[in-house]
Amino acid sequence: LTTLSGTRLPKWITEATEANLPGISSFVVGLHSDFD
């Protein structure tokens, strides 16, 4: 967010999904719906 490095978002989403943490997993679902 602070460095405007959105190109790292797909990797972050993968890491967040693999972590399988409930709150973060639901956040990732929202990111997928508005990815662009």
PDB file of all heavy atoms in Angstrom:
ATOM      1  N   LEU A   1       0.818  -1.211   0.000  1.00  0.00           N
ATOM      2  CA  LEU A   1       0.000   0.000   0.000  1.00  0.00           C
ATOM      3  C   LEU A   1       0.854   1.264   0.000  1.00  0.00           C
ATOM      4  O   LEU A   1       0.575   2.211  -0.727  1.00  0.00           O
ATOM      5  CB  LEU A   1      -0.913   0.029   1.231  1.00  0.00           C
ATOM      6  CG  LEU A   1      -2.143  -0.845   1.191  1.00  0.00           C
ATOM      7  CD1 LEU A   1      -2.767  -0.930   2.574  1.00  0.00           C
ATOM      8  CD2 LEU A   1      -3.145  -0.309   0.195  1.00  0.00           C
ATOM      9  N   THR A   2       1.875   1.275   0.828  1.00  0.00           N
ATOM     10  CA  THR A   2       2.660   2.497   0.976  1.00  0.00           C
ATOM     11  C   THR A   2       3.665   2.708  -0.140  1.00  0.00           C
ATOM     12  O   THR A   2       4.061   3.841  -0.394  1.00  0.00           O
ATOM     13  CB  THR A   2       3.395   2.522   2.330  1.00  0.00           C
ATOM     14  OG1 THR A   2       4.218   1.363   2.437  1.00  0.00           O
ATOM     15  CG2 THR A   2       2.407   2.562   3.477  1.00  0.00           C
ATOM     16  N   THR A   3       4.071   1.633  -0.815  1.00  0.00           N
ATOM     17  CA  THR A   3       5.055   1.776  -1.896  1.00  0.00           C
ATOM     18  C   THR A   3       4.420   1.655  -3.272  1.00  0.00           C
ATOM     19  O   THR A   3       5.122   1.715  -4.283  1.00  0.00           O
ATOM     20  CB  THR A   3       6.171   0.721  -1.766  1.00  0.00           C
ATOM     21  OG1 THR A   3       5.599  -0.589  -1.848  1.00  0.00           O
ATOM     22  CG2 THR A   3       6.938   0.887  -0.463  1.00  0.00           C
ATOM     23  N   LEU A   4       3.095   1.488  -3.310  1.00  0.00           N
ATOM     24  CA  LEU A   4       2.360   1.319  -4.566  1.00  0.00           C
ATOM     25  C   LEU A   4       2.974   0.221  -5.432  1.00  0.00           C
ATOM     26  O   LEU A   4       3.227   0.397  -6.616  1.00  0.00           O
ATOM     27  CB  LEU A   4       2.295   2.643  -5.344  1.00  0.00           C
ATOM     28  CG  LEU A   4       1.493   3.761  -4.691  1.00  0.00           C
ATOM     29  CD1 LEU A   4       1.553   5.025  -5.534  1.00  0.00           C
ATOM     30  CD2 LEU A   4       0.048   3.342  -4.475  1.00  0.00           C
ATOM     31  N   SER A   5       3.213  -0.931  -4.822  1.00  0.00           N
ATOM     32  CA  SER A   5       3.784  -2.063  -5.562  1.00  0.00           C
ATOM     33  C   SER A   5       2.736  -3.153  -5.764  1.00  0.00           C
ATOM     34  O   SER A   5       2.855  -4.267  -5.268  1.00  0.00           O
ATOM     35  CB  SER A   5       5.023  -2.602  -4.858  1.00  0.00           C
ATOM     36  OG  SER A   5       5.004  -2.413  -3.481  1.00  0.00           O
ATOM     37  N   GLY A   6       1.697  -2.803  -6.511  1.00  0.00           N
ATOM     38  CA  GLY A   6       0.604  -3.720  -6.782  1.00  0.00           C
ATOM     39  C   GLY A   6       0.983  -4.900  -7.651  1.00  0.00           C
ATOM     40  O   GLY A   6       0.246  -5.878  -7.705  1.00  0.00           O
ATOM     41  N   THR A   7       2.127  -4.833  -8.296  1.00  0.00           N
ATOM     42  CA  THR A   7       2.572  -5.969  -9.100  1.00  0.00           C
ATOM     43  C   THR A   7       2.870  -7.180  -8.225  1.00  0.00           C
ATOM     44  O   THR A   7       2.887  -8.307  -8.717  1.00  0.00           O
ATOM     45  CB  THR A   7       3.823  -5.611  -9.925  1.00  0.00           C
ATOM     46  OG1 THR A   7       4.842  -5.137  -9.035  1.00  0.00           O
ATOM     47  CG2 THR A   7       3.514  -4.542 -10.956  1.00  0.00           C
ATOM     48  N   ARG A   8       3.069  -6.946  -6.933  1.00  0.00           N
ATOM     49  CA  ARG A   8       3.326  -8.046  -5.989  1.00  0.00           C
ATOM     50  C   ARG A   8       2.038  -8.671  -5.473  1.00  0.00           C
ATOM     51  O   ARG A   8       2.075  -9.652  -4.734  1.00  0.00           O
ATOM     52  CB  ARG A   8       4.153  -7.536  -4.810  1.00  0.00           C
ATOM     53  CG  ARG A   8       5.544  -7.117  -5.215  1.00  0.00           C
ATOM     54  CD  ARG A   8       6.383  -6.544  -4.106  1.00  0.00           C
ATOM     55  NE  ARG A   8       6.003  -6.993  -2.778  1.00  0.00           N
ATOM     56  CZ  ARG A   8       6.111  -6.238  -1.683  1.00  0.00           C
ATOM     57  NH1 ARG A   8       6.578  -5.025  -1.761  1.00  0.00           N
ATOM     58  NH2 ARG A   8       5.758  -6.717  -0.509  1.00  0.00           N
ATOM     59  N   LEU A   9       0.899  -8.129  -5.847  1.00  0.00           N
ATOM     60  CA  LEU A   9      -0.380  -8.608  -5.330  1.00  0.00           C
ATOM     61  C   LEU A   9      -0.648 -10.084  -5.617  1.00  0.00           C
ATOM     62  O   LEU A   9      -1.058 -10.807  -4.702  1.00  0.00           O
ATOM     63  CB  LEU A   9      -1.535  -7.742  -5.846  1.00  0.00           C
ATOM     64  CG  LEU A   9      -2.918  -8.068  -5.283  1.00  0.00           C
ATOM     65  CD1 LEU A   9      -2.944  -7.889  -3.772  1.00  0.00           C
ATOM     66  CD2 LEU A   9      -3.965  -7.192  -5.941  1.00  0.00           C
ATOM     67  N   PRO A  10      -0.436 -10.595  -6.834  1.00  0.00           N
ATOM     68  CA  PRO A  10      -0.706 -12.025  -7.064  1.00  0.00           C
ATOM     69  C   PRO A  10       0.098 -12.938  -6.132  1.00  0.00           C
ATOM     70  O   PRO A  10      -0.446 -13.916  -5.603  1.00  0.00           O
ATOM     71  CB  PRO A  10      -0.314 -12.245  -8.525  1.00  0.00           C
ATOM     72  CG  PRO A  10      -0.473 -10.900  -9.154  1.00  0.00           C
ATOM     73  CD  PRO A  10      -0.075  -9.916  -8.080  1.00  0.00           C
ATOM     74  N   LYS A  11       1.361 -12.609  -5.910  1.00  0.00           N
ATOM     75  CA  LYS A  11       2.183 -13.415  -5.005  1.00  0.00           C
ATOM     76  C   LYS A  11       1.639 -13.322  -3.579  1.00  0.00           C
ATOM     77  O   LYS A  11       1.558 -14.331  -2.870  1.00  0.00           O
ATOM     78  CB  LYS A  11       3.637 -12.943  -5.044  1.00  0.00           C
ATOM     79  CG  LYS A  11       4.544 -13.748  -4.150  1.00  0.00           C
ATOM     80  CD  LYS A  11       5.964 -13.227  -4.197  1.00  0.00           C
ATOM     81  CE  LYS A  11       6.798 -14.041  -3.216  1.00  0.00           C
ATOM     82  NZ  LYS A  11       7.975 -13.384  -2.770  1.00  0.00           N
ATOM     83  N   TRP A  12       1.237 -12.117  -3.159  1.00  0.00           N
ATOM     84  CA  TRP A  12       0.682 -11.936  -1.816  1.00  0.00           C
ATOM     85  C   TRP A  12      -0.600 -12.743  -1.664  1.00  0.00           C
ATOM     86  O   TRP A  12      -0.814 -13.383  -0.632  1.00  0.00           O
ATOM     87  CB  TRP A  12       0.424 -10.456  -1.539  1.00  0.00           C
ATOM     88  CG  TRP A  12      -0.002 -10.210  -0.128  1.00  0.00           C
ATOM     89  CD1 TRP A  12       0.809  -9.955   0.942  1.00  0.00           C
ATOM     90  CD2 TRP A  12      -1.339 -10.244   0.394  1.00  0.00           C
ATOM     91  NE1 TRP A  12       0.060  -9.818   2.086  1.00  0.00           N
ATOM     92  CE2 TRP A  12      -1.267  -9.996   1.786  1.00  0.00           C
ATOM     93  CE3 TRP A  12      -2.581 -10.463  -0.172  1.00  0.00           C
ATOM     94  CZ2 TRP A  12      -2.385  -9.958   2.601  1.00  0.00           C
ATOM     95  CZ3 TRP A  12      -3.710 -10.426   0.645  1.00  0.00           C
ATOM     96  CH2 TRP A  12      -3.599 -10.176   2.014  1.00  0.00           C
ATOM     97  N   ILE A  13      -1.451 -12.726  -2.673  1.00  0.00           N
ATOM     98  CA  ILE A  13      -2.705 -13.484  -2.625  1.00  0.00           C
ATOM     99  C   ILE A  13      -2.417 -14.979  -2.479  1.00  0.00           C
ATOM    100  O   ILE A  13      -3.062 -15.675  -1.695  1.00  0.00           O
ATOM    101  CB  ILE A  13      -3.580 -13.193  -3.862  1.00  0.00           C
ATOM    102  CG1 ILE A  13      -4.176 -11.786  -3.752  1.00  0.00           C
ATOM    103  CG2 ILE A  13      -4.671 -14.238  -4.026  1.00  0.00           C
ATOM    104  CD1 ILE A  13      -4.962 -11.343  -4.966  1.00  0.00           C
ATOM    105  N   THR A  14      -1.432 -15.476  -3.219  1.00  0.00           N
ATOM    106  CA  THR A  14      -1.051 -16.890  -3.117  1.00  0.00           C
ATOM    107  C   THR A  14      -0.587 -17.220  -1.710  1.00  0.00           C
ATOM    108  O   THR A  14      -1.009 -18.221  -1.113  1.00  0.00           O
ATOM    109  CB  THR A  14       0.057 -17.223  -4.139  1.00  0.00           C
ATOM    110  OG1 THR A  14      -0.427 -16.939  -5.448  1.00  0.00           O
ATOM    111  CG2 THR A  14       0.476 -18.673  -4.042  1.00  0.00           C
ATOM    112  N   GLU A  15       0.275 -16.379  -1.147  1.00  0.00           N
ATOM    113  CA  GLU A  15       0.770 -16.603   0.210  1.00  0.00           C
ATOM    114  C   GLU A  15      -0.372 -16.550   1.230  1.00  0.00           C
ATOM    115  O   GLU A  15      -0.428 -17.368   2.149  1.00  0.00           O
ATOM    116  CB  GLU A  15       1.833 -15.569   0.568  1.00  0.00           C
ATOM    117  CG  GLU A  15       3.120 -15.723  -0.208  1.00  0.00           C
ATOM    118  CD  GLU A  15       4.083 -14.553  -0.012  1.00  0.00           C
ATOM    119  OE1 GLU A  15       3.741 -13.596   0.708  1.00  0.00           O
ATOM    120  OE2 GLU A  15       5.173 -14.606  -0.593  1.00  0.00           O
ATOM    121  N   ALA A  16      -1.273 -15.609   1.058  1.00  0.00           N
ATOM    122  CA  ALA A  16      -2.402 -15.464   1.981  1.00  0.00           C
ATOM    123  C   ALA A  16      -3.340 -16.667   1.887  1.00  0.00           C
ATOM    124  O   ALA A  16      -3.839 -17.154   2.904  1.00  0.00           O
ATOM    125  CB  ALA A  16      -3.160 -14.175   1.687  1.00  0.00           C
ATOM    126  N   THR A  17      -3.556 -17.158   0.689  1.00  0.00           N
ATOM    127  CA  THR A  17      -4.409 -18.331   0.505  1.00  0.00           C
ATOM    128  C   THR A  17      -3.774 -19.562   1.149  1.00  0.00           C
ATOM    129  O   THR A  17      -4.447 -20.345   1.825  1.00  0.00           O
ATOM    130  CB  THR A  17      -4.665 -18.578  -0.994  1.00  0.00           C
ATOM    131  OG1 THR A  17      -5.261 -17.409  -1.557  1.00  0.00           O
ATOM    132  CG2 THR A  17      -5.570 -19.767  -1.213  1.00  0.00           C
ATOM    133  N   GLU A  18      -2.476 -19.725   0.950  1.00  0.00           N
ATOM    134  CA  GLU A  18      -1.765 -20.877   1.515  1.00  0.00           C
ATOM    135  C   GLU A  18      -1.712 -20.826   3.045  1.00  0.00           C
ATOM    136  O   GLU A  18      -1.655 -21.866   3.695  1.00  0.00           O
ATOM    137  CB  GLU A  18      -0.355 -20.963   0.942  1.00  0.00           C
ATOM    138  CG  GLU A  18      -0.334 -21.376  -0.518  1.00  0.00           C
ATOM    139  CD  GLU A  18       1.040 -21.263  -1.160  1.00  0.00           C
ATOM    140  OE1 GLU A  18       1.994 -20.803  -0.487  1.00  0.00           O
ATOM    141  OE2 GLU A  18       1.155 -21.632  -2.339  1.00  0.00           O
ATOM    142  N   ALA A  19      -1.749 -19.630   3.611  1.00  0.00           N
ATOM    143  CA  ALA A  19      -1.727 -19.493   5.072  1.00  0.00           C
ATOM    144  C   ALA A  19      -3.001 -20.043   5.699  1.00  0.00           C
ATOM    145  O   ALA A  19      -3.004 -20.474   6.848  1.00  0.00           O
ATOM    146  CB  ALA A  19      -1.521 -18.044   5.472  1.00  0.00           C
ATOM    147  N   ASN A  20      -4.098 -20.014   4.940  1.00  0.00           N
ATOM    148  CA  ASN A  20      -5.375 -20.570   5.387  1.00  0.00           C
ATOM    149  C   ASN A  20      -5.833 -19.995   6.729  1.00  0.00           C
ATOM    150  O   ASN A  20      -6.252 -20.718   7.628  1.00  0.00           O
ATOM    151  CB  ASN A  20      -5.289 -22.100   5.445  1.00  0.00           C
ATOM    152  CG  ASN A  20      -6.665 -22.737   5.429  1.00  0.00           C
ATOM    153  OD1 ASN A  20      -7.597 -22.179   4.887  1.00  0.00           O
ATOM    154  ND2 ASN A  20      -6.777 -23.901   6.027  1.00  0.00           N
ATOM    155  N   LEU A  21      -5.751 -18.683   6.851  1.00  0.00           N
ATOM    156  CA  LEU A  21      -6.217 -17.984   8.044  1.00  0.00           C
ATOM    157  C   LEU A  21      -7.607 -17.417   7.749  1.00  0.00           C
ATOM    158  O   LEU A  21      -7.785 -16.715   6.752  1.00  0.00           O
ATOM    159  CB  LEU A  21      -5.246 -16.868   8.422  1.00  0.00           C
ATOM    160  CG  LEU A  21      -3.825 -17.325   8.742  1.00  0.00           C
ATOM    161  CD1 LEU A  21      -2.892 -16.137   8.839  1.00  0.00           C
ATOM    162  CD2 LEU A  21      -3.811 -18.137  10.019  1.00  0.00           C
ATOM    163  N   PRO A  22      -8.608 -17.706   8.582  1.00  0.00           N
ATOM    164  CA  PRO A  22      -9.995 -17.350   8.265  1.00  0.00           C
ATOM    165  C   PRO A  22     -10.225 -15.890   7.858  1.00  0.00           C
ATOM    166  O   PRO A  22     -10.810 -15.628   6.821  1.00  0.00           O
ATOM    167  CB  PRO A  22     -10.758 -17.683   9.551  1.00  0.00           C
ATOM    168  CG  PRO A  22      -9.926 -18.709  10.223  1.00  0.00           C
ATOM    169  CD  PRO A  22      -8.504 -18.388   9.867  1.00  0.00           C
ATOM    170  N   GLY A  23      -9.790 -14.937   8.632  1.00  0.00           N
ATOM    171  CA  GLY A  23     -10.032 -13.534   8.308  1.00  0.00           C
ATOM    172  C   GLY A  23      -9.331 -13.095   7.039  1.00  0.00           C
ATOM    173  O   GLY A  23      -9.889 -12.365   6.217  1.00  0.00           O
ATOM    174  N   ILE A  24      -8.118 -13.560   6.884  1.00  0.00           N
ATOM    175  CA  ILE A  24      -7.348 -13.177   5.698  1.00  0.00           C
ATOM    176  C   ILE A  24      -7.891 -13.890   4.461  1.00  0.00           C
ATOM    177  O   ILE A  24      -7.961 -13.305   3.376  1.00  0.00           O
ATOM    178  CB  ILE A  24      -5.850 -13.428   5.923  1.00  0.00           C
ATOM    179  CG1 ILE A  24      -5.353 -12.451   6.996  1.00  0.00           C
ATOM    180  CG2 ILE A  24      -5.062 -13.284   4.628  1.00  0.00           C
ATOM    181  CD1 ILE A  24      -3.914 -12.591   7.397  1.00  0.00           C
ATOM    182  N   SER A  25      -8.328 -15.130   4.608  1.00  0.00           N
ATOM    183  CA  SER A  25      -8.895 -15.871   3.476  1.00  0.00           C
ATOM    184  C   SER A  25     -10.140 -15.182   2.934  1.00  0.00           C
ATOM    185  O   SER A  25     -10.314 -15.083   1.713  1.00  0.00           O
ATOM    186  CB  SER A  25      -9.230 -17.304   3.886  1.00  0.00           C
ATOM    187  OG  SER A  25      -8.071 -18.009   4.202  1.00  0.00           O
ATOM    188  N   SER A  26     -11.004 -14.693   3.817  1.00  0.00           N
ATOM    189  CA  SER A  26     -12.207 -14.001   3.345  1.00  0.00           C
ATOM    190  C   SER A  26     -11.834 -12.669   2.681  1.00  0.00           C
ATOM    191  O   SER A  26     -12.475 -12.244   1.722  1.00  0.00           O
ATOM    192  CB  SER A  26     -13.203 -13.789   4.477  1.00  0.00           C
ATOM    193  OG  SER A  26     -12.659 -12.971   5.480  1.00  0.00           O
ATOM    194  N   PHE A  27     -10.790 -12.014   3.174  1.00  0.00           N
ATOM    195  CA  PHE A  27     -10.302 -10.782   2.553  1.00  0.00           C
ATOM    196  C   PHE A  27      -9.800 -11.064   1.138  1.00  0.00           C
ATOM    197  O   PHE A  27     -10.063 -10.299   0.207  1.00  0.00           O
ATOM    198  CB  PHE A  27      -9.191 -10.185   3.419  1.00  0.00           C
ATOM    199  CG  PHE A  27      -8.572  -8.935   2.871  1.00  0.00           C
ATOM    200  CD1 PHE A  27      -9.297  -7.760   2.790  1.00  0.00           C
ATOM    201  CD2 PHE A  27      -7.258  -8.930   2.436  1.00  0.00           C
ATOM    202  CE1 PHE A  27      -8.726  -6.594   2.293  1.00  0.00           C
ATOM    203  CE2 PHE A  27      -6.674  -7.771   1.938  1.00  0.00           C
ATOM    204  CZ  PHE A  27      -7.419  -6.606   1.865  1.00  0.00           C
ATOM    205  N   VAL A  28      -9.105 -12.181   0.962  1.00  0.00           N
ATOM    206  CA  VAL A  28      -8.577 -12.568  -0.351  1.00  0.00           C
ATOM    207  C   VAL A  28      -9.709 -12.814  -1.344  1.00  0.00           C
ATOM    208  O   VAL A  28      -9.596 -12.452  -2.516  1.00  0.00           O
ATOM    209  CB  VAL A  28      -7.666 -13.810  -0.225  1.00  0.00           C
ATOM    210  CG1 VAL A  28      -7.347 -14.417  -1.575  1.00  0.00           C
ATOM    211  CG2 VAL A  28      -6.383 -13.439   0.496  1.00  0.00           C
ATOM    212  N   VAL A  29     -10.816 -13.394  -0.885  1.00  0.00           N
ATOM    213  CA  VAL A  29     -11.964 -13.616  -1.760  1.00  0.00           C
ATOM    214  C   VAL A  29     -12.450 -12.274  -2.314  1.00  0.00           C
ATOM    215  O   VAL A  29     -12.734 -12.148  -3.507  1.00  0.00           O
ATOM    216  CB  VAL A  29     -13.102 -14.351  -1.009  1.00  0.00           C
ATOM    217  CG1 VAL A  29     -14.393 -14.357  -1.818  1.00  0.00           C
ATOM    218  CG2 VAL A  29     -12.675 -15.768  -0.679  1.00  0.00           C
ATOM    219  N   GLY A  30     -12.514 -11.264  -1.458  1.00  0.00           N
ATOM    220  CA  GLY A  30     -12.902  -9.931  -1.916  1.00  0.00           C
ATOM    221  C   GLY A  30     -11.913  -9.336  -2.901  1.00  0.00           C
ATOM    222  O   GLY A  30     -12.303  -8.673  -3.860  1.00  0.00           O
ATOM    223  N   LEU A  31     -10.622  -9.584  -2.677  1.00  0.00           N
ATOM    224  CA  LEU A  31      -9.603  -9.091  -3.610  1.00  0.00           C
ATOM    225  C   LEU A  31      -9.776  -9.725  -4.985  1.00  0.00           C
ATOM    226  O   LEU A  31      -9.632  -9.057  -6.007  1.00  0.00           O
ATOM    227  CB  LEU A  31      -8.194  -9.381  -3.087  1.00  0.00           C
ATOM    228  CG  LEU A  31      -7.726  -8.604  -1.871  1.00  0.00           C
ATOM    229  CD1 LEU A  31      -6.322  -9.046  -1.479  1.00  0.00           C
ATOM    230  CD2 LEU A  31      -7.753  -7.113  -2.134  1.00  0.00           C
ATOM    231  N   HIS A  32     -10.086 -11.018  -5.001  1.00  0.00           N
ATOM    232  CA  HIS A  32     -10.286 -11.715  -6.277  1.00  0.00           C
ATOM    233  C   HIS A  32     -11.452 -11.113  -7.048  1.00  0.00           C
ATOM    234  O   HIS A  32     -11.378 -10.979  -8.276  1.00  0.00           O
ATOM    235  CB  HIS A  32     -10.547 -13.205  -6.055  1.00  0.00           C
ATOM    236  CG  HIS A  32      -9.310 -14.020  -5.942  1.00  0.00           C
ATOM    237  ND1 HIS A  32      -8.415 -14.166  -6.972  1.00  0.00           N
ATOM    238  CD2 HIS A  32      -8.814 -14.742  -4.917  1.00  0.00           C
ATOM    239  CE1 HIS A  32      -7.427 -14.944  -6.589  1.00  0.00           C
ATOM    240  NE2 HIS A  32      -7.633 -15.301  -5.334  1.00  0.00           N
ATOM    241  N   SER A  33     -12.508 -10.751  -6.349  1.00  0.00           N
ATOM    242  CA  SER A  33     -13.692 -10.240  -7.043  1.00  0.00           C
ATOM    243  C   SER A  33     -13.447  -8.876  -7.683  1.00  0.00           C
ATOM    244  O   SER A  33     -14.115  -8.525  -8.654  1.00  0.00           O
ATOM    245  CB  SER A  33     -14.891 -10.187  -6.103  1.00  0.00           C
ATOM    246  OG  SER A  33     -14.679  -9.231  -5.090  1.00  0.00           O
ATOM    247  N   ASP A  34     -12.509  -8.109  -7.153  1.00  0.00           N
ATOM    248  CA  ASP A  34     -12.188  -6.792  -7.712  1.00  0.00           C
ATOM    249  C   ASP A  34     -10.698  -6.677  -8.037  1.00  0.00           C
ATOM    250  O   ASP A  34     -10.090  -5.627  -7.858  1.00  0.00           O
ATOM    251  CB  ASP A  34     -12.564  -5.688  -6.720  1.00  0.00           C
ATOM    252  CG  ASP A  34     -14.054  -5.482  -6.614  1.00  0.00           C
ATOM    253  OD1 ASP A  34     -14.743  -5.673  -7.626  1.00  0.00           O
ATOM    254  OD2 ASP A  34     -14.520  -5.114  -5.521  1.00  0.00           O
ATOM    255  N   PHE A  35     -10.117  -7.742  -8.543  1.00  0.00           N
ATOM    256  CA  PHE A  35      -8.671  -7.809  -8.727  1.00  0.00           C
ATOM    257  C   PHE A  35      -8.110  -6.644  -9.556  1.00  0.00           C
ATOM    258  O   PHE A  35      -7.130  -6.013  -9.167  1.00  0.00           O
ATOM    259  CB  PHE A  35      -8.267  -9.147  -9.361  1.00  0.00           C
ATOM    260  CG  PHE A  35      -6.787  -9.314  -9.488  1.00  0.00           C
ATOM    261  CD1 PHE A  35      -6.029  -9.665  -8.389  1.00  0.00           C
ATOM    262  CD2 PHE A  35      -6.151  -9.097 -10.701  1.00  0.00           C
ATOM    263  CE1 PHE A  35      -4.653  -9.801  -8.481  1.00  0.00           C
ATOM    264  CE2 PHE A  35      -4.781  -9.226 -10.812  1.00  0.00           C
ATOM    265  CZ  PHE A  35      -4.035  -9.589  -9.704  1.00  0.00           C
ATOM    266  N   ASP A  36      -8.728  -6.350 -10.689  1.00  0.00           N
ATOM    267  CA  ASP A  36      -8.215  -5.281 -11.553  1.00  0.00           C
ATOM    268  C   ASP A  36      -8.255  -3.919 -10.866  1.00  0.00           C
ATOM    269  O   ASP A  36      -7.316  -3.126 -10.977  1.00  0.00           O
ATOM    270  CB  ASP A  36      -9.001  -5.212 -12.868  1.00  0.00           C
ATOM    271  CG  ASP A  36      -8.768  -6.437 -13.746  1.00  0.00           C
ATOM    272  OD1 ASP A  36      -7.706  -7.083 -13.587  1.00  0.00           O
ATOM    273  OD2 ASP A  36      -9.638  -6.753 -14.571  1.00  0.00           O
TER     274      ASP A  36
END
